[in-house]
């Protein structure tokens, strides 16, 4: 009688009684073990994309500083914004970093900078921004745990290849001009050409 009264007085849930849980608890897997819960992807930029973008951005800043100290200072700010964008997973900050890199080239245009380091800086800056933007896309869609290393490497290589092609054309124009064009015109041609080629690749 005491057992019967205990059952009548307690609200026994299906899970406690061994039956199926109507509230949505984890179902038992074959063999009596509970099925593991589905893993939620971590919304973070893959480490490879982060490292590649930061490395390319740092090299771009070094090339900018070699062309003009003012451009290097603005480029350093762009790199800081790029790192922040990758850390907090923000495409808005990534776009701001790209705009700041463009401002660094405007700063270079106001100085008697030589074209050669600007070519390298433009290729590296656009590639850094592109790799970061791609990494942010991966963070939004598949998370950090997904096996995307091959995709990231192919994307980075393609971005550098396209940028190098644009840089080579711009540098060739500067050689043909033989100093007859102002540095500002060469800077706009260089950066604009690389950006257009990168957009066409997409």
N, C-alpha and C. Protein backbone atom coordinates (compact mmCIF):
# COMPACT_ATOMS: atom_id res chain seq x y z
N UNK A 1 0.83 -1.20 0.00
CA UNK A 1 0.00 0.00 0.00
C UNK A 1 0.86 1.25 0.00
N UNK A 2 1.96 1.24 0.77
CA UNK A 2 2.81 2.42 0.83
C UNK A 2 3.40 2.73 -0.53
N UNK A 3 3.77 1.64 -1.32
CA UNK A 3 4.33 1.88 -2.65
C UNK A 3 3.29 2.49 -3.56
N UNK A 4 2.05 1.98 -3.47
CA UNK A 4 0.99 2.49 -4.33
C UNK A 4 0.72 3.94 -4.02
N UNK A 5 0.70 4.31 -2.69
CA UNK A 5 0.45 5.71 -2.35
C UNK A 5 1.57 6.59 -2.84
N UNK A 6 2.82 6.09 -2.82
CA UNK A 6 3.97 6.89 -3.27
C UNK A 6 3.85 7.19 -4.74
N UNK A 7 3.42 6.21 -5.56
CA UNK A 7 3.28 6.42 -6.99
C UNK A 7 2.17 7.41 -7.25
N UNK A 8 1.02 7.27 -6.46
CA UNK A 8 -0.10 8.16 -6.67
C UNK A 8 0.24 9.60 -6.28
N UNK A 9 1.13 9.78 -5.26
CA UNK A 9 1.43 11.12 -4.76
C UNK A 9 2.51 11.83 -5.54
N UNK A 10 3.37 11.09 -6.31
CA UNK A 10 4.49 11.71 -7.03
C UNK A 10 4.15 11.81 -8.50
N UNK A 11 4.55 12.93 -9.14
CA UNK A 11 4.35 13.09 -10.58
C UNK A 11 5.53 12.46 -11.29
N UNK A 12 5.38 11.24 -11.74
CA UNK A 12 6.46 10.51 -12.39
C UNK A 12 6.49 10.89 -13.86
N UNK A 13 7.60 11.45 -14.34
CA UNK A 13 7.72 11.85 -15.74
C UNK A 13 8.02 10.63 -16.58
N UNK A 14 7.74 10.70 -17.88
CA UNK A 14 8.03 9.56 -18.74
C UNK A 14 9.50 9.19 -18.71
N UNK A 15 10.39 10.20 -18.61
CA UNK A 15 11.81 9.88 -18.61
C UNK A 15 12.18 9.11 -17.36
N UNK A 16 11.58 9.50 -16.20
CA UNK A 16 11.88 8.81 -14.96
C UNK A 16 11.33 7.41 -14.98
N UNK A 17 10.23 7.18 -15.66
CA UNK A 17 9.62 5.87 -15.72
C UNK A 17 10.26 5.00 -16.78
N UNK A 18 11.15 5.54 -17.54
CA UNK A 18 11.79 4.73 -18.56
C UNK A 18 11.16 4.85 -19.91
N UNK A 19 10.05 5.62 -20.06
CA UNK A 19 9.37 5.78 -21.33
C UNK A 19 9.91 6.94 -22.11
N UNK A 20 9.37 7.17 -23.29
CA UNK A 20 9.83 8.29 -24.10
C UNK A 20 9.48 9.61 -23.46
N UNK A 21 10.36 10.61 -23.62
CA UNK A 21 10.16 11.94 -23.02
C UNK A 21 9.42 12.82 -24.00
N UNK A 22 8.20 13.21 -23.65
CA UNK A 22 7.39 14.04 -24.54
C UNK A 22 7.89 15.47 -24.59
N UNK A 23 8.77 15.88 -23.63
CA UNK A 23 9.24 17.26 -23.59
C UNK A 23 10.41 17.50 -24.51
N UNK A 24 10.93 16.49 -25.20
CA UNK A 24 12.00 16.71 -26.18
C UNK A 24 13.37 16.38 -25.65
N UNK A 25 13.49 15.55 -24.59
CA UNK A 25 14.80 15.16 -24.11
C UNK A 25 15.49 14.29 -25.13
N UNK A 26 16.81 14.12 -24.98
CA UNK A 26 17.58 13.34 -25.95
C UNK A 26 17.08 11.92 -25.98
N UNK A 27 16.86 11.39 -27.19
CA UNK A 27 16.39 10.03 -27.35
C UNK A 27 17.55 9.06 -27.17
N UNK A 28 17.21 7.84 -26.78
CA UNK A 28 18.23 6.84 -26.57
C UNK A 28 18.71 6.32 -27.90
N UNK A 29 20.02 6.22 -28.04
CA UNK A 29 20.61 5.69 -29.27
C UNK A 29 20.61 4.18 -29.19
N UNK A 30 20.81 3.48 -30.31
CA UNK A 30 20.90 2.02 -30.28
C UNK A 30 21.96 1.57 -29.29
N UNK A 31 21.61 0.57 -28.47
CA UNK A 31 22.54 0.10 -27.47
C UNK A 31 22.25 0.68 -26.10
N UNK A 32 21.21 1.53 -26.01
CA UNK A 32 20.84 2.07 -24.72
C UNK A 32 21.55 3.35 -24.35
N UNK A 33 22.46 3.86 -25.20
CA UNK A 33 23.17 5.09 -24.88
C UNK A 33 22.44 6.29 -25.46
N UNK A 34 22.57 7.43 -24.81
CA UNK A 34 21.92 8.64 -25.29
C UNK A 34 22.63 9.15 -26.54
N UNK A 35 21.88 9.59 -27.53
CA UNK A 35 22.47 10.14 -28.75
C UNK A 35 23.11 11.49 -28.43
N UNK A 36 24.33 11.75 -28.91
CA UNK A 36 24.97 13.03 -28.63
C UNK A 36 24.22 14.18 -29.27
N UNK A 37 24.19 15.31 -28.57
CA UNK A 37 23.52 16.50 -29.11
C UNK A 37 24.32 17.06 -30.28
N UNK A 38 23.63 17.65 -31.25
CA UNK A 38 24.30 18.21 -32.42
C UNK A 38 25.17 19.39 -32.00
N UNK A 39 26.43 19.41 -32.49
CA UNK A 39 27.36 20.48 -32.14
C UNK A 39 26.96 21.77 -32.85
N UNK A 40 26.98 22.86 -32.11
CA UNK A 40 26.67 24.16 -32.68
C UNK A 40 27.97 24.79 -33.17
N UNK A 41 28.06 25.17 -34.47
CA UNK A 41 29.31 25.74 -34.99
C UNK A 41 29.69 27.02 -34.25
N UNK A 42 30.99 27.16 -34.00
CA UNK A 42 31.50 28.37 -33.35
C UNK A 42 31.58 29.49 -34.39
N UNK A 43 30.89 30.57 -34.12
CA UNK A 43 30.87 31.70 -35.06
C UNK A 43 32.16 32.50 -34.90
N UNK A 44 33.22 31.99 -35.51
CA UNK A 44 34.51 32.64 -35.44
C UNK A 44 35.23 32.42 -36.76
N UNK A 45 36.08 33.35 -37.13
CA UNK A 45 36.84 33.24 -38.37
C UNK A 45 37.85 32.12 -38.23
N UNK A 46 37.96 31.23 -39.23
CA UNK A 46 38.96 30.16 -39.15
C UNK A 46 40.36 30.71 -38.91
N UNK A 47 41.14 29.98 -38.13
CA UNK A 47 42.47 30.47 -37.73
C UNK A 47 43.37 30.71 -38.94
N UNK A 48 43.26 29.87 -39.96
CA UNK A 48 44.13 30.03 -41.14
C UNK A 48 43.83 31.34 -41.86
N UNK A 49 42.56 31.66 -42.04
CA UNK A 49 42.18 32.92 -42.69
C UNK A 49 42.64 34.12 -41.87
N UNK A 50 42.49 34.02 -40.55
CA UNK A 50 42.93 35.11 -39.67
C UNK A 50 44.42 35.35 -39.80
N UNK A 51 45.20 34.27 -39.70
CA UNK A 51 46.66 34.40 -39.77
C UNK A 51 47.10 34.92 -41.13
N UNK A 52 46.48 34.42 -42.20
CA UNK A 52 46.86 34.84 -43.55
C UNK A 52 46.54 36.31 -43.78
N UNK A 53 45.35 36.73 -43.39
CA UNK A 53 44.95 38.13 -43.59
C UNK A 53 45.84 39.08 -42.80
N UNK A 54 46.13 38.75 -41.56
CA UNK A 54 46.97 39.61 -40.74
C UNK A 54 48.39 39.68 -41.30
N UNK A 55 48.92 38.54 -41.75
CA UNK A 55 50.27 38.52 -42.32
C UNK A 55 50.34 39.39 -43.58
N UNK A 56 49.36 39.22 -44.47
CA UNK A 56 49.33 40.01 -45.70
C UNK A 56 49.17 41.50 -45.38
N UNK A 57 48.30 41.81 -44.40
CA UNK A 57 48.10 43.20 -44.02
C UNK A 57 49.36 43.82 -43.44
N UNK A 58 50.08 43.06 -42.62
CA UNK A 58 51.32 43.57 -42.04
C UNK A 58 52.37 43.84 -43.12
N UNK A 59 52.45 42.95 -44.11
CA UNK A 59 53.38 43.17 -45.21
C UNK A 59 52.98 44.41 -46.02
N UNK A 60 51.67 44.59 -46.21
CA UNK A 60 51.20 45.78 -46.94
C UNK A 60 51.61 47.05 -46.20
N UNK A 61 51.50 47.06 -44.88
CA UNK A 61 51.89 48.22 -44.09
C UNK A 61 53.39 48.49 -44.24
N UNK A 62 54.18 47.42 -44.24
CA UNK A 62 55.63 47.58 -44.40
C UNK A 62 55.96 48.21 -45.76
N UNK A 63 55.28 47.76 -46.81
CA UNK A 63 55.51 48.33 -48.15
C UNK A 63 55.06 49.79 -48.20
N UNK A 64 53.93 50.08 -47.55
CA UNK A 64 53.44 51.46 -47.52
C UNK A 64 54.42 52.37 -46.79
N UNK A 65 54.94 51.88 -45.67
CA UNK A 65 55.91 52.68 -44.91
C UNK A 65 57.19 52.91 -45.71
N UNK A 66 57.57 51.92 -46.54
CA UNK A 66 58.76 52.09 -47.38
C UNK A 66 58.53 53.17 -48.43
N UNK A 67 57.28 53.32 -48.87
CA UNK A 67 56.97 54.34 -49.87
C UNK A 67 56.77 55.70 -49.24
N UNK A 68 56.12 55.73 -48.07
CA UNK A 68 55.80 57.00 -47.41
C UNK A 68 55.48 56.72 -45.95
N UNK A 69 56.09 57.47 -45.05
CA UNK A 69 55.82 57.27 -43.63
C UNK A 69 54.37 57.61 -43.29
N UNK A 70 53.82 58.63 -43.93
CA UNK A 70 52.42 58.99 -43.68
C UNK A 70 51.50 57.86 -44.13
N UNK A 71 51.78 57.29 -45.29
CA UNK A 71 50.97 56.17 -45.77
C UNK A 71 51.11 54.97 -44.85
N UNK A 72 52.32 54.73 -44.34
CA UNK A 72 52.52 53.63 -43.41
C UNK A 72 51.73 53.79 -42.13
N UNK A 73 51.63 55.04 -41.62
CA UNK A 73 50.86 55.29 -40.40
C UNK A 73 49.38 55.01 -40.61
N UNK A 74 48.84 55.46 -41.74
CA UNK A 74 47.43 55.19 -42.04
C UNK A 74 47.22 53.70 -42.26
N UNK A 75 48.18 53.06 -42.92
CA UNK A 75 48.09 51.62 -43.14
C UNK A 75 48.08 50.84 -41.83
N UNK A 76 48.83 51.33 -40.85
CA UNK A 76 48.85 50.67 -39.54
C UNK A 76 47.47 50.72 -38.88
N UNK A 77 46.80 51.85 -39.05
CA UNK A 77 45.43 51.96 -38.54
C UNK A 77 44.50 50.98 -39.26
N UNK A 78 44.69 50.86 -40.58
CA UNK A 78 43.88 49.90 -41.35
C UNK A 78 44.11 48.48 -40.86
N UNK A 79 45.35 48.15 -40.56
CA UNK A 79 45.66 46.80 -40.07
C UNK A 79 44.99 46.55 -38.72
N UNK A 80 45.01 47.56 -37.84
CA UNK A 80 44.35 47.42 -36.54
C UNK A 80 42.85 47.17 -36.70
N UNK A 81 42.24 47.88 -37.64
CA UNK A 81 40.81 47.67 -37.90
C UNK A 81 40.55 46.28 -38.47
N UNK A 82 41.45 45.80 -39.30
CA UNK A 82 41.29 44.46 -39.87
C UNK A 82 41.38 43.40 -38.79
N UNK A 83 42.32 43.55 -37.88
CA UNK A 83 42.45 42.60 -36.77
C UNK A 83 41.19 42.63 -35.90
N UNK A 84 40.68 43.83 -35.65
CA UNK A 84 39.45 43.95 -34.85
C UNK A 84 38.28 43.28 -35.55
N UNK A 85 38.19 43.46 -36.87
CA UNK A 85 37.09 42.84 -37.63
C UNK A 85 37.14 41.32 -37.53
N UNK A 86 38.33 40.76 -37.60
CA UNK A 86 38.48 39.31 -37.51
C UNK A 86 38.22 38.80 -36.10
N UNK A 87 38.53 39.62 -35.12
CA UNK A 87 38.36 39.21 -33.72
C UNK A 87 36.89 39.20 -33.32
N UNK A 88 36.17 40.25 -33.68
CA UNK A 88 34.76 40.35 -33.27
C UNK A 88 33.79 39.86 -34.35
N UNK A 89 34.34 39.41 -35.47
CA UNK A 89 33.55 38.90 -36.60
C UNK A 89 32.59 39.99 -37.08
N UNK A 90 33.16 41.04 -37.64
CA UNK A 90 32.37 42.20 -38.09
C UNK A 90 32.73 42.55 -39.52
N UNK A 91 31.78 42.39 -40.44
CA UNK A 91 32.02 42.78 -41.82
C UNK A 91 32.06 44.30 -41.96
N UNK A 92 31.36 45.01 -41.08
CA UNK A 92 31.39 46.47 -41.13
C UNK A 92 32.79 46.98 -40.85
N UNK A 93 33.44 46.42 -39.82
CA UNK A 93 34.81 46.81 -39.52
C UNK A 93 35.76 46.41 -40.65
N UNK A 94 35.47 45.28 -41.30
CA UNK A 94 36.31 44.85 -42.42
C UNK A 94 36.22 45.85 -43.57
N UNK A 95 35.01 46.32 -43.86
CA UNK A 95 34.86 47.34 -44.91
C UNK A 95 35.57 48.63 -44.52
N UNK A 96 35.51 48.97 -43.25
CA UNK A 96 36.19 50.18 -42.78
C UNK A 96 37.70 50.02 -42.92
N UNK A 97 38.20 48.82 -42.65
CA UNK A 97 39.63 48.56 -42.83
C UNK A 97 40.03 48.73 -44.29
N UNK A 98 39.20 48.23 -45.21
CA UNK A 98 39.49 48.40 -46.63
C UNK A 98 39.50 49.86 -47.04
N UNK A 99 38.54 50.63 -46.52
CA UNK A 99 38.50 52.06 -46.83
C UNK A 99 39.72 52.78 -46.27
N UNK A 100 40.19 52.34 -45.10
CA UNK A 100 41.37 52.97 -44.50
C UNK A 100 42.63 52.64 -45.29
N UNK A 101 42.71 51.42 -45.82
CA UNK A 101 43.83 51.08 -46.70
C UNK A 101 43.81 51.99 -47.93
N UNK A 102 42.62 52.25 -48.47
CA UNK A 102 42.50 53.16 -49.62
C UNK A 102 42.99 54.55 -49.24
N UNK A 103 42.65 54.99 -48.00
CA UNK A 103 43.11 56.29 -47.53
C UNK A 103 44.64 56.33 -47.42
N UNK A 104 45.23 55.19 -47.08
CA UNK A 104 46.70 55.14 -47.02
C UNK A 104 47.31 55.40 -48.39
N UNK A 105 46.65 54.91 -49.45
CA UNK A 105 47.16 55.16 -50.79
C UNK A 105 46.95 56.62 -51.19
N UNK A 106 45.88 57.23 -50.69
CA UNK A 106 45.69 58.65 -50.92
C UNK A 106 46.81 59.45 -50.25
N UNK A 107 47.21 59.01 -49.04
CA UNK A 107 48.31 59.67 -48.35
C UNK A 107 49.60 59.52 -49.13
N UNK A 108 49.79 58.34 -49.73
CA UNK A 108 51.00 58.13 -50.54
C UNK A 108 50.99 59.01 -51.78
N UNK A 109 49.78 59.24 -52.33
CA UNK A 109 49.68 60.06 -53.54
C UNK A 109 50.09 61.50 -53.28
N UNK A 110 50.01 61.95 -52.03
CA UNK A 110 50.37 63.33 -51.70
C UNK A 110 51.86 63.50 -51.45
N UNK A 111 52.62 62.43 -51.60
CA UNK A 111 54.07 62.49 -51.37
C UNK A 111 54.80 62.01 -52.61
N UNK A 112 56.07 62.33 -52.73
CA UNK A 112 56.85 61.83 -53.88
C UNK A 112 57.25 60.37 -53.71
N UNK A 113 56.26 59.50 -53.55
CA UNK A 113 56.54 58.08 -53.34
C UNK A 113 56.90 57.41 -54.65
N UNK A 114 57.75 56.39 -54.57
CA UNK A 114 58.13 55.63 -55.77
C UNK A 114 57.08 54.54 -56.02
N UNK A 115 56.84 54.21 -57.28
CA UNK A 115 55.76 53.26 -57.59
C UNK A 115 56.02 51.83 -57.10
N UNK A 116 57.26 51.38 -57.10
CA UNK A 116 57.53 49.96 -56.82
C UNK A 116 56.95 49.48 -55.49
N UNK A 117 57.26 50.14 -54.36
CA UNK A 117 56.66 49.65 -53.11
C UNK A 117 55.15 49.80 -53.06
N UNK A 118 54.61 50.79 -53.78
CA UNK A 118 53.16 50.95 -53.80
C UNK A 118 52.49 49.79 -54.53
N UNK A 119 53.15 49.27 -55.55
CA UNK A 119 52.60 48.11 -56.25
C UNK A 119 52.46 46.94 -55.28
N UNK A 120 53.53 46.64 -54.57
CA UNK A 120 53.47 45.55 -53.60
C UNK A 120 52.46 45.80 -52.51
N UNK A 121 52.38 47.05 -52.03
CA UNK A 121 51.43 47.38 -50.98
C UNK A 121 50.00 47.19 -51.44
N UNK A 122 49.70 47.61 -52.67
CA UNK A 122 48.33 47.49 -53.17
C UNK A 122 47.92 46.02 -53.31
N UNK A 123 48.80 45.23 -53.88
CA UNK A 123 48.50 43.80 -54.05
C UNK A 123 48.25 43.15 -52.69
N UNK A 124 49.12 43.43 -51.73
CA UNK A 124 49.02 42.80 -50.41
C UNK A 124 47.81 43.31 -49.63
N UNK A 125 47.52 44.61 -49.73
CA UNK A 125 46.39 45.17 -48.99
C UNK A 125 45.07 44.61 -49.50
N UNK A 126 44.91 44.55 -50.83
CA UNK A 126 43.66 44.01 -51.38
C UNK A 126 43.52 42.54 -51.04
N UNK A 127 44.63 41.79 -51.11
CA UNK A 127 44.58 40.37 -50.77
C UNK A 127 44.23 40.18 -49.30
N UNK A 128 44.81 41.00 -48.42
CA UNK A 128 44.50 40.90 -46.98
C UNK A 128 43.02 41.15 -46.73
N UNK A 129 42.48 42.20 -47.35
CA UNK A 129 41.06 42.50 -47.18
C UNK A 129 40.19 41.36 -47.73
N UNK A 130 40.56 40.85 -48.90
CA UNK A 130 39.76 39.80 -49.53
C UNK A 130 39.77 38.51 -48.71
N UNK A 131 40.93 38.13 -48.20
CA UNK A 131 41.03 36.92 -47.38
C UNK A 131 40.23 37.10 -46.08
N UNK A 132 40.32 38.29 -45.49
CA UNK A 132 39.55 38.54 -44.26
C UNK A 132 38.06 38.47 -44.53
N UNK A 133 37.62 39.08 -45.63
CA UNK A 133 36.19 39.06 -45.96
C UNK A 133 35.70 37.63 -46.21
N UNK A 134 36.53 36.84 -46.88
CA UNK A 134 36.16 35.43 -47.12
C UNK A 134 36.09 34.66 -45.80
N UNK A 135 37.03 34.92 -44.91
CA UNK A 135 37.01 34.26 -43.61
C UNK A 135 35.78 34.62 -42.80
N UNK A 136 35.35 35.87 -42.90
CA UNK A 136 34.13 36.28 -42.21
C UNK A 136 32.91 35.57 -42.78
N UNK A 137 32.92 35.35 -44.09
CA UNK A 137 31.83 34.59 -44.70
C UNK A 137 31.79 33.15 -44.21
N UNK A 138 32.97 32.55 -44.07
CA UNK A 138 33.03 31.18 -43.55
C UNK A 138 32.54 31.14 -42.10
N UNK A 139 32.90 32.15 -41.32
CA UNK A 139 32.46 32.18 -39.93
C UNK A 139 30.94 32.24 -39.83
N UNK A 140 30.32 32.97 -40.74
CA UNK A 140 28.87 33.12 -40.69
C UNK A 140 28.14 31.87 -41.15
N UNK A 141 28.75 31.09 -42.05
CA UNK A 141 28.03 29.98 -42.66
C UNK A 141 28.39 28.60 -42.07
N UNK A 142 29.67 28.37 -41.78
CA UNK A 142 30.06 27.02 -41.35
C UNK A 142 30.78 27.00 -40.01
N UNK A 143 31.25 28.14 -39.52
CA UNK A 143 31.94 28.16 -38.23
C UNK A 143 33.39 27.77 -38.34
N UNK A 144 34.09 27.85 -37.21
CA UNK A 144 35.53 27.61 -37.19
C UNK A 144 35.89 26.13 -37.29
N UNK A 145 35.01 25.24 -36.80
CA UNK A 145 35.37 23.82 -36.73
C UNK A 145 35.34 23.11 -38.08
N UNK A 146 34.67 23.67 -39.07
CA UNK A 146 34.56 23.00 -40.37
C UNK A 146 35.93 22.91 -41.04
N UNK A 147 36.13 21.84 -41.80
CA UNK A 147 37.40 21.65 -42.50
C UNK A 147 37.46 22.48 -43.78
N UNK A 148 37.91 23.72 -43.65
CA UNK A 148 37.90 24.64 -44.79
C UNK A 148 39.31 25.07 -45.21
N UNK A 149 40.32 24.39 -44.72
CA UNK A 149 41.70 24.83 -44.97
C UNK A 149 42.01 24.89 -46.47
N UNK A 150 41.59 23.87 -47.21
CA UNK A 150 41.87 23.86 -48.64
C UNK A 150 41.17 25.03 -49.34
N UNK A 151 39.90 25.25 -48.98
CA UNK A 151 39.15 26.36 -49.55
C UNK A 151 39.83 27.70 -49.26
N UNK A 152 40.30 27.86 -48.03
CA UNK A 152 40.96 29.11 -47.65
C UNK A 152 42.26 29.32 -48.42
N UNK A 153 43.05 28.26 -48.56
CA UNK A 153 44.33 28.38 -49.27
C UNK A 153 44.12 28.69 -50.75
N UNK A 154 43.15 28.01 -51.37
CA UNK A 154 42.86 28.27 -52.78
C UNK A 154 42.39 29.70 -52.97
N UNK A 155 41.53 30.18 -52.07
CA UNK A 155 41.02 31.54 -52.18
C UNK A 155 42.16 32.55 -52.03
N UNK A 156 43.03 32.34 -51.05
CA UNK A 156 44.14 33.27 -50.83
C UNK A 156 45.08 33.29 -52.03
N UNK A 157 45.38 32.10 -52.58
CA UNK A 157 46.27 32.02 -53.74
C UNK A 157 45.66 32.73 -54.94
N UNK A 158 44.36 32.53 -55.16
CA UNK A 158 43.68 33.18 -56.29
C UNK A 158 43.67 34.70 -56.11
N UNK A 159 43.45 35.15 -54.89
CA UNK A 159 43.44 36.58 -54.63
C UNK A 159 44.80 37.20 -54.90
N UNK A 160 45.85 36.54 -54.48
CA UNK A 160 47.21 37.05 -54.73
C UNK A 160 47.53 37.02 -56.22
N UNK A 161 47.08 35.97 -56.92
CA UNK A 161 47.36 35.87 -58.35
C UNK A 161 46.69 37.00 -59.12
N UNK A 162 45.42 37.24 -58.79
CA UNK A 162 44.68 38.32 -59.47
C UNK A 162 45.29 39.67 -59.13
N UNK A 163 45.62 39.87 -57.87
CA UNK A 163 46.22 41.13 -57.47
C UNK A 163 47.58 41.35 -58.12
N UNK A 164 48.36 40.30 -58.23
CA UNK A 164 49.67 40.42 -58.86
C UNK A 164 49.54 40.80 -60.33
N UNK A 165 48.53 40.24 -61.00
CA UNK A 165 48.30 40.60 -62.40
C UNK A 165 47.98 42.08 -62.53
N UNK A 166 47.09 42.57 -61.66
CA UNK A 166 46.75 44.00 -61.69
C UNK A 166 47.94 44.87 -61.35
N UNK A 167 48.73 44.43 -60.36
CA UNK A 167 49.92 45.20 -59.99
C UNK A 167 50.95 45.25 -61.10
N UNK A 168 51.10 44.15 -61.81
CA UNK A 168 52.07 44.11 -62.91
C UNK A 168 51.67 45.07 -64.02
N UNK A 169 50.37 45.13 -64.32
CA UNK A 169 49.89 46.06 -65.35
C UNK A 169 50.16 47.50 -64.91
N UNK A 170 49.83 47.81 -63.66
CA UNK A 170 50.02 49.17 -63.17
C UNK A 170 51.50 49.55 -63.16
N UNK A 171 52.34 48.63 -62.75
CA UNK A 171 53.78 48.92 -62.71
C UNK A 171 54.32 49.08 -64.13
N UNK A 172 53.81 48.29 -65.06
CA UNK A 172 54.23 48.44 -66.45
C UNK A 172 53.86 49.82 -66.99
N UNK A 173 52.67 50.29 -66.63
CA UNK A 173 52.25 51.63 -67.06
C UNK A 173 53.18 52.68 -66.49
N UNK A 174 53.58 52.50 -65.22
CA UNK A 174 54.47 53.48 -64.60
C UNK A 174 55.83 53.50 -65.27
N UNK A 175 56.29 52.35 -65.73
CA UNK A 175 57.58 52.31 -66.43
C UNK A 175 57.48 52.97 -67.79
N UNK A 176 56.36 52.71 -68.50
CA UNK A 176 56.17 53.32 -69.82
C UNK A 176 56.07 54.83 -69.68
N UNK A 177 55.38 55.29 -68.62
CA UNK A 177 55.25 56.74 -68.40
C UNK A 177 56.60 57.39 -68.14
N UNK A 178 57.53 56.62 -67.56
CA UNK A 178 58.91 57.07 -67.34
C UNK A 178 58.94 58.39 -66.56
N UNK A 179 58.12 58.45 -65.54
CA UNK A 179 58.14 59.63 -64.68
C UNK A 179 57.31 60.78 -65.19
N UNK A 180 56.67 60.61 -66.33
CA UNK A 180 55.89 61.72 -66.87
C UNK A 180 54.55 61.90 -66.20
N UNK A 181 54.08 60.87 -65.49
CA UNK A 181 52.79 60.95 -64.81
C UNK A 181 53.02 61.26 -63.33
N UNK A 182 52.14 62.04 -62.71
CA UNK A 182 52.27 62.27 -61.27
C UNK A 182 52.02 60.99 -60.49
N UNK A 183 52.62 60.94 -59.30
CA UNK A 183 52.47 59.73 -58.47
C UNK A 183 51.01 59.46 -58.15
N UNK A 184 50.21 60.51 -57.95
CA UNK A 184 48.81 60.32 -57.61
C UNK A 184 48.07 59.55 -58.69
N UNK A 185 48.34 59.86 -59.96
CA UNK A 185 47.68 59.16 -61.06
C UNK A 185 48.07 57.69 -61.06
N UNK A 186 49.32 57.41 -60.81
CA UNK A 186 49.78 56.01 -60.77
C UNK A 186 49.16 55.27 -59.59
N UNK A 187 49.03 55.95 -58.46
CA UNK A 187 48.44 55.31 -57.28
C UNK A 187 46.99 54.93 -57.55
N UNK A 188 46.22 55.87 -58.12
CA UNK A 188 44.81 55.57 -58.40
C UNK A 188 44.68 54.46 -59.43
N UNK A 189 45.53 54.47 -60.44
CA UNK A 189 45.50 53.42 -61.45
C UNK A 189 45.82 52.07 -60.83
N UNK A 190 46.83 52.06 -60.00
CA UNK A 190 47.27 50.82 -59.37
C UNK A 190 46.19 50.24 -58.47
N UNK A 191 45.74 51.02 -57.50
CA UNK A 191 44.78 50.51 -56.53
C UNK A 191 43.44 50.19 -57.20
N UNK A 192 43.00 51.06 -58.09
CA UNK A 192 41.74 50.80 -58.79
C UNK A 192 41.80 49.56 -59.65
N UNK A 193 42.92 49.36 -60.35
CA UNK A 193 43.04 48.17 -61.20
C UNK A 193 43.01 46.89 -60.41
N UNK A 194 43.71 46.87 -59.28
CA UNK A 194 43.74 45.67 -58.45
C UNK A 194 42.35 45.38 -57.87
N UNK A 195 41.65 46.42 -57.42
CA UNK A 195 40.31 46.22 -56.85
C UNK A 195 39.35 45.70 -57.92
N UNK A 196 39.42 46.26 -59.12
CA UNK A 196 38.53 45.81 -60.19
C UNK A 196 38.79 44.35 -60.53
N UNK A 197 40.04 43.97 -60.63
CA UNK A 197 40.36 42.57 -60.94
C UNK A 197 39.89 41.64 -59.84
N UNK A 198 40.03 42.08 -58.59
CA UNK A 198 39.55 41.25 -57.49
C UNK A 198 38.04 41.10 -57.53
N UNK A 199 37.34 42.16 -57.90
CA UNK A 199 35.88 42.09 -58.02
C UNK A 199 35.46 41.17 -59.16
N UNK A 200 36.19 41.21 -60.27
CA UNK A 200 35.88 40.33 -61.38
C UNK A 200 36.11 38.87 -61.02
N UNK A 201 37.11 38.60 -60.16
CA UNK A 201 37.36 37.23 -59.75
C UNK A 201 36.20 36.66 -58.99
N UNK A 202 35.52 37.52 -58.21
CA UNK A 202 34.35 37.06 -57.44
C UNK A 202 33.21 36.68 -58.37
